[in-house]
Each structure stands twice: as structure tokens, then as C-alpha cells.
Amino acid sequence: MDKLLALNWSSLLTPDSSVAEMVVRGTLTYLFLFVLLRVFRRPTGQLGIADVLLITILADAAQNAMGGTYNSVTSGFVLIGTIVFWDRLIDYLAYRYRWFSRSRHHIH
């Protein structure tokens, strides 16, 4: 019963990595996402299910870059850039090819 209620205050309050590194990782990741989403933004009111999926996946990729799961912030940036590339390519194909647009909108 003691183990259920016991707290290790030292491990609870001591960061796993350098606070400065966490600040730099968070800052770089935020600025990268900010610029990326500003460049590739959509007009207001045109947020679809694919956009929500993109934001969700970007959030997961960004979390890894900020939290230190990757060895470098650059690894996170490459992953985020890859995800945005595929999102833009799919949007382009849907715009360019009618058959692709219909199949994209019927995915649930």
C-alpha cells in the first residue's frame, strides 16, 4: 500500500534533460511550425478532415522534436516537412485530377 501512495519528489521535479535544451527545442520547433503553417496556410473556413489529420500528425511529430525523442531538432523538422510535403502533393493532385479529388473526399 505504501508504494501506491509514495512519491519520489526528486524524480518528479527534476527535469530529464537540460532546461536550456528544452527551451531551445521548443523555440525552434515553434518557429519552424509557425513559418511553415503561415506559408502553406489555407483561407479561413476551409478546414477539412484532411487538415485536422495533418494538424494531429504534426502535433505528434513536433512533440517528439520538442521533447527530445529525436537526437536533433533537425530530425523533427525533416519529419514535419515530409508530412507537409505529402499533404500539399495530395491537395495538388486533388486539384489537378478530378478522379483523385473524388476519391480523396470519400475517405472516412
N, C-alpha and C. Protein backbone atom coordinates (compact mmCIF):
# COMPACT_ATOMS: atom_id res chain seq x y z
N MET A 1 0.82 -1.19 0.00
CA MET A 1 0.00 0.00 0.00
C MET A 1 0.86 1.25 0.00
N ASP A 2 2.03 1.18 0.62
CA ASP A 2 2.92 2.35 0.67
C ASP A 2 3.36 2.77 -0.73
N LYS A 3 3.60 1.78 -1.62
CA LYS A 3 4.06 2.10 -2.97
C LYS A 3 2.98 2.81 -3.78
N LEU A 4 1.73 2.59 -3.48
CA LEU A 4 0.65 3.27 -4.20
C LEU A 4 0.58 4.75 -3.87
N LEU A 5 0.94 5.10 -2.67
CA LEU A 5 0.82 6.49 -2.22
C LEU A 5 2.15 7.22 -2.12
N ALA A 6 3.25 6.51 -2.27
CA ALA A 6 4.58 7.12 -2.12
C ALA A 6 4.91 7.98 -3.34
N LEU A 7 5.57 9.10 -3.10
CA LEU A 7 6.02 9.98 -4.16
C LEU A 7 7.53 10.17 -4.06
N ASN A 8 8.19 10.09 -5.19
CA ASN A 8 9.61 10.37 -5.26
C ASN A 8 9.75 11.80 -5.77
N TRP A 9 9.80 12.75 -4.84
CA TRP A 9 9.79 14.17 -5.19
C TRP A 9 10.98 14.55 -6.06
N SER A 10 12.11 13.92 -5.86
CA SER A 10 13.31 14.24 -6.63
C SER A 10 13.10 13.91 -8.11
N SER A 11 12.63 12.72 -8.42
CA SER A 11 12.42 12.35 -9.82
C SER A 11 11.20 13.07 -10.41
N LEU A 12 10.26 13.43 -9.58
CA LEU A 12 9.07 14.14 -10.03
C LEU A 12 9.38 15.56 -10.47
N LEU A 13 10.28 16.23 -9.78
CA LEU A 13 10.55 17.64 -10.03
C LEU A 13 11.85 17.92 -10.77
N THR A 14 12.72 16.92 -10.92
CA THR A 14 14.00 17.11 -11.60
C THR A 14 13.82 16.81 -13.09
N PRO A 15 14.15 17.78 -13.96
CA PRO A 15 13.98 17.56 -15.41
C PRO A 15 14.86 16.41 -15.90
N ASP A 16 14.38 15.72 -16.95
CA ASP A 16 15.13 14.62 -17.55
C ASP A 16 16.29 15.11 -18.40
N SER A 17 16.16 16.33 -18.92
CA SER A 17 17.24 16.90 -19.73
C SER A 17 17.41 18.37 -19.35
N SER A 18 18.38 18.99 -19.96
CA SER A 18 18.71 20.38 -19.66
C SER A 18 17.51 21.30 -19.93
N VAL A 19 17.23 22.20 -19.01
CA VAL A 19 16.15 23.16 -19.19
C VAL A 19 16.45 24.06 -20.40
N ALA A 20 17.70 24.45 -20.55
CA ALA A 20 18.09 25.28 -21.70
C ALA A 20 17.83 24.54 -23.01
N GLU A 21 18.14 23.24 -23.06
CA GLU A 21 17.90 22.45 -24.27
C GLU A 21 16.40 22.38 -24.57
N MET A 22 15.58 22.20 -23.53
CA MET A 22 14.13 22.15 -23.74
C MET A 22 13.60 23.48 -24.28
N VAL A 23 14.13 24.59 -23.77
CA VAL A 23 13.71 25.91 -24.24
C VAL A 23 14.12 26.10 -25.70
N VAL A 24 15.35 25.73 -26.05
CA VAL A 24 15.82 25.87 -27.43
C VAL A 24 15.01 24.97 -28.35
N ARG A 25 14.79 23.72 -27.97
CA ARG A 25 14.00 22.79 -28.79
C ARG A 25 12.58 23.32 -29.00
N GLY A 26 11.95 23.77 -27.94
CA GLY A 26 10.59 24.30 -28.04
C GLY A 26 10.52 25.53 -28.92
N THR A 27 11.49 26.43 -28.75
CA THR A 27 11.52 27.66 -29.54
C THR A 27 11.73 27.37 -31.02
N LEU A 28 12.72 26.55 -31.34
CA LEU A 28 13.00 26.22 -32.74
C LEU A 28 11.82 25.51 -33.40
N THR A 29 11.23 24.55 -32.69
CA THR A 29 10.09 23.81 -33.25
C THR A 29 8.90 24.72 -33.46
N TYR A 30 8.63 25.60 -32.50
CA TYR A 30 7.51 26.53 -32.64
C TYR A 30 7.73 27.46 -33.84
N LEU A 31 8.91 28.03 -33.95
CA LEU A 31 9.19 28.96 -35.06
C LEU A 31 9.12 28.24 -36.40
N PHE A 32 9.63 27.01 -36.47
CA PHE A 32 9.57 26.24 -37.71
C PHE A 32 8.12 25.98 -38.11
N LEU A 33 7.31 25.51 -37.17
CA LEU A 33 5.89 25.26 -37.47
C LEU A 33 5.15 26.55 -37.81
N PHE A 34 5.45 27.62 -37.11
CA PHE A 34 4.80 28.91 -37.36
C PHE A 34 5.04 29.35 -38.80
N VAL A 35 6.30 29.32 -39.23
CA VAL A 35 6.65 29.74 -40.59
C VAL A 35 6.02 28.79 -41.61
N LEU A 36 6.13 27.50 -41.36
CA LEU A 36 5.61 26.50 -42.28
C LEU A 36 4.10 26.64 -42.46
N LEU A 37 3.38 26.81 -41.37
CA LEU A 37 1.92 26.92 -41.46
C LEU A 37 1.50 28.27 -42.03
N ARG A 38 2.28 29.31 -41.86
CA ARG A 38 1.97 30.61 -42.47
C ARG A 38 2.16 30.56 -43.98
N VAL A 39 3.21 29.89 -44.42
CA VAL A 39 3.49 29.80 -45.85
C VAL A 39 2.43 28.95 -46.55
N PHE A 40 2.02 27.86 -45.93
CA PHE A 40 1.10 26.92 -46.56
C PHE A 40 -0.31 27.01 -45.98
N ARG A 41 -0.68 28.14 -45.43
CA ARG A 41 -2.00 28.25 -44.80
C ARG A 41 -3.12 28.23 -45.83
N ARG A 42 -4.29 27.86 -45.33
CA ARG A 42 -5.49 27.85 -46.15
C ARG A 42 -6.36 29.03 -45.74
N PRO A 43 -7.24 29.45 -46.64
CA PRO A 43 -8.16 30.52 -46.26
C PRO A 43 -9.04 30.09 -45.09
N THR A 44 -9.44 31.05 -44.29
CA THR A 44 -10.28 30.76 -43.13
C THR A 44 -11.59 30.12 -43.57
N GLY A 45 -12.04 29.14 -42.81
CA GLY A 45 -13.31 28.48 -43.10
C GLY A 45 -13.18 27.30 -44.03
N GLN A 46 -11.97 26.94 -44.44
CA GLN A 46 -11.79 25.82 -45.36
C GLN A 46 -11.02 24.68 -44.69
N LEU A 47 -11.29 24.46 -43.44
CA LEU A 47 -10.61 23.40 -42.70
C LEU A 47 -11.41 22.11 -42.86
N GLY A 48 -10.81 21.12 -43.47
CA GLY A 48 -11.48 19.84 -43.70
C GLY A 48 -10.88 18.75 -42.82
N ILE A 49 -11.40 17.53 -43.00
CA ILE A 49 -10.93 16.39 -42.20
C ILE A 49 -9.46 16.11 -42.46
N ALA A 50 -9.01 16.30 -43.71
CA ALA A 50 -7.60 16.08 -44.02
C ALA A 50 -6.72 17.08 -43.28
N ASP A 51 -7.21 18.31 -43.11
CA ASP A 51 -6.45 19.33 -42.38
C ASP A 51 -6.36 18.99 -40.89
N VAL A 52 -7.44 18.47 -40.34
CA VAL A 52 -7.43 18.07 -38.93
C VAL A 52 -6.44 16.92 -38.73
N LEU A 53 -6.43 15.97 -39.67
CA LEU A 53 -5.48 14.86 -39.60
C LEU A 53 -4.04 15.39 -39.69
N LEU A 54 -3.81 16.33 -40.59
CA LEU A 54 -2.47 16.92 -40.72
C LEU A 54 -2.03 17.58 -39.42
N ILE A 55 -2.89 18.37 -38.83
CA ILE A 55 -2.56 19.06 -37.57
C ILE A 55 -2.25 18.04 -36.47
N THR A 56 -3.03 16.97 -36.41
CA THR A 56 -2.81 15.93 -35.40
C THR A 56 -1.45 15.26 -35.58
N ILE A 57 -1.13 14.91 -36.82
CA ILE A 57 0.15 14.25 -37.10
C ILE A 57 1.31 15.22 -36.85
N LEU A 58 1.14 16.48 -37.25
CA LEU A 58 2.19 17.47 -37.00
C LEU A 58 2.42 17.65 -35.50
N ALA A 59 1.34 17.63 -34.74
CA ALA A 59 1.48 17.79 -33.29
C ALA A 59 2.31 16.65 -32.70
N ASP A 60 2.06 15.44 -33.18
CA ASP A 60 2.82 14.29 -32.67
C ASP A 60 4.30 14.39 -33.09
N ALA A 61 4.54 14.75 -34.35
CA ALA A 61 5.92 14.88 -34.82
C ALA A 61 6.64 16.01 -34.10
N ALA A 62 5.94 17.12 -33.88
CA ALA A 62 6.54 18.26 -33.19
C ALA A 62 6.84 17.92 -31.73
N GLN A 63 5.97 17.16 -31.11
CA GLN A 63 6.19 16.77 -29.71
C GLN A 63 7.49 16.00 -29.57
N ASN A 64 7.75 15.12 -30.51
CA ASN A 64 9.00 14.35 -30.46
C ASN A 64 10.20 15.25 -30.65
N ALA A 65 10.09 16.24 -31.53
CA ALA A 65 11.20 17.17 -31.74
C ALA A 65 11.44 18.03 -30.51
N MET A 66 10.36 18.45 -29.85
CA MET A 66 10.50 19.31 -28.67
C MET A 66 10.93 18.53 -27.45
N GLY A 67 10.42 17.32 -27.30
CA GLY A 67 10.67 16.55 -26.10
C GLY A 67 11.99 15.83 -26.07
N GLY A 68 12.63 15.73 -27.20
CA GLY A 68 13.95 15.11 -27.22
C GLY A 68 13.95 13.64 -27.59
N THR A 69 12.82 13.11 -28.12
CA THR A 69 12.82 11.72 -28.56
C THR A 69 13.78 11.54 -29.72
N TYR A 70 13.89 12.57 -30.57
CA TYR A 70 14.89 12.56 -31.63
C TYR A 70 16.21 13.03 -31.05
N ASN A 71 17.31 12.72 -31.73
CA ASN A 71 18.61 13.20 -31.27
C ASN A 71 18.82 14.66 -31.63
N SER A 72 18.12 15.14 -32.66
CA SER A 72 18.27 16.53 -33.05
C SER A 72 16.92 17.13 -33.42
N VAL A 73 16.83 18.43 -33.32
CA VAL A 73 15.62 19.14 -33.73
C VAL A 73 15.46 18.98 -35.24
N THR A 74 16.57 18.91 -35.96
CA THR A 74 16.53 18.76 -37.42
C THR A 74 15.78 17.49 -37.82
N SER A 75 15.93 16.41 -37.08
CA SER A 75 15.20 15.18 -37.38
C SER A 75 13.70 15.43 -37.31
N GLY A 76 13.26 16.16 -36.32
CA GLY A 76 11.85 16.51 -36.21
C GLY A 76 11.41 17.38 -37.36
N PHE A 77 12.26 18.34 -37.76
CA PHE A 77 11.93 19.23 -38.87
C PHE A 77 11.77 18.45 -40.18
N VAL A 78 12.66 17.47 -40.39
CA VAL A 78 12.58 16.65 -41.60
C VAL A 78 11.26 15.88 -41.62
N LEU A 79 10.88 15.30 -40.49
CA LEU A 79 9.63 14.57 -40.41
C LEU A 79 8.44 15.49 -40.67
N ILE A 80 8.43 16.65 -40.04
CA ILE A 80 7.34 17.61 -40.23
C ILE A 80 7.29 18.07 -41.68
N GLY A 81 8.44 18.37 -42.27
CA GLY A 81 8.49 18.79 -43.67
C GLY A 81 7.98 17.71 -44.61
N THR A 82 8.31 16.46 -44.31
CA THR A 82 7.83 15.34 -45.12
C THR A 82 6.31 15.23 -45.06
N ILE A 83 5.76 15.38 -43.88
CA ILE A 83 4.30 15.30 -43.71
C ILE A 83 3.62 16.43 -44.48
N VAL A 84 4.15 17.64 -44.38
CA VAL A 84 3.57 18.78 -45.10
C VAL A 84 3.71 18.59 -46.61
N PHE A 85 4.84 18.06 -47.07
CA PHE A 85 5.04 17.79 -48.50
C PHE A 85 3.95 16.87 -49.02
N TRP A 86 3.69 15.76 -48.33
CA TRP A 86 2.67 14.83 -48.80
C TRP A 86 1.28 15.44 -48.76
N ASP A 87 1.01 16.27 -47.76
CA ASP A 87 -0.29 16.94 -47.69
C ASP A 87 -0.47 17.87 -48.88
N ARG A 88 0.57 18.64 -49.20
CA ARG A 88 0.50 19.57 -50.35
C ARG A 88 0.38 18.80 -51.65
N LEU A 89 1.12 17.71 -51.81
CA LEU A 89 1.06 16.91 -53.04
C LEU A 89 -0.34 16.33 -53.23
N ILE A 90 -0.92 15.81 -52.18
CA ILE A 90 -2.27 15.25 -52.28
C ILE A 90 -3.27 16.35 -52.64
N ASP A 91 -3.13 17.52 -52.05
CA ASP A 91 -4.01 18.64 -52.41
C ASP A 91 -3.85 19.03 -53.88
N TYR A 92 -2.61 19.06 -54.35
CA TYR A 92 -2.36 19.39 -55.75
C TYR A 92 -3.00 18.35 -56.67
N LEU A 93 -2.80 17.08 -56.36
CA LEU A 93 -3.37 16.01 -57.18
C LEU A 93 -4.90 16.08 -57.18
N ALA A 94 -5.48 16.40 -56.04
CA ALA A 94 -6.94 16.53 -55.96
C ALA A 94 -7.42 17.71 -56.80
N TYR A 95 -6.65 18.79 -56.86
CA TYR A 95 -7.00 19.95 -57.67
C TYR A 95 -6.82 19.65 -59.16
N ARG A 96 -5.75 18.95 -59.48
CA ARG A 96 -5.38 18.70 -60.88
C ARG A 96 -6.19 17.58 -61.52
N TYR A 97 -6.49 16.53 -60.78
CA TYR A 97 -7.17 15.35 -61.33
C TYR A 97 -8.50 15.12 -60.62
N ARG A 98 -9.55 15.23 -61.39
CA ARG A 98 -10.91 15.11 -60.83
C ARG A 98 -11.13 13.77 -60.13
N TRP A 99 -10.65 12.68 -60.73
CA TRP A 99 -10.85 11.36 -60.13
C TRP A 99 -10.16 11.25 -58.78
N PHE A 100 -9.02 11.92 -58.64
CA PHE A 100 -8.30 11.90 -57.37
C PHE A 100 -9.06 12.70 -56.32
N SER A 101 -9.63 13.80 -56.74
CA SER A 101 -10.41 14.65 -55.83
C SER A 101 -11.60 13.89 -55.28
N ARG A 102 -12.31 13.17 -56.14
CA ARG A 102 -13.48 12.41 -55.67
C ARG A 102 -13.07 11.32 -54.69
N SER A 103 -11.99 10.62 -54.99
CA SER A 103 -11.57 9.53 -54.10
C SER A 103 -11.07 10.07 -52.77
N ARG A 104 -10.46 11.26 -52.78
CA ARG A 104 -9.95 11.86 -51.55
C ARG A 104 -11.09 12.28 -50.62
N HIS A 105 -12.16 12.79 -51.17
CA HIS A 105 -13.27 13.27 -50.36
C HIS A 105 -14.15 12.15 -49.84
N HIS A 106 -13.99 10.94 -50.37
CA HIS A 106 -14.80 9.81 -49.90
C HIS A 106 -14.10 8.94 -48.89
N ILE A 107 -12.92 9.34 -48.48
CA ILE A 107 -12.18 8.59 -47.45
C ILE A 107 -12.75 8.99 -46.10
N HIS A 108 -13.17 8.02 -45.32
CA HIS A 108 -13.74 8.29 -43.99
C HIS A 108 -12.94 7.61 -42.92
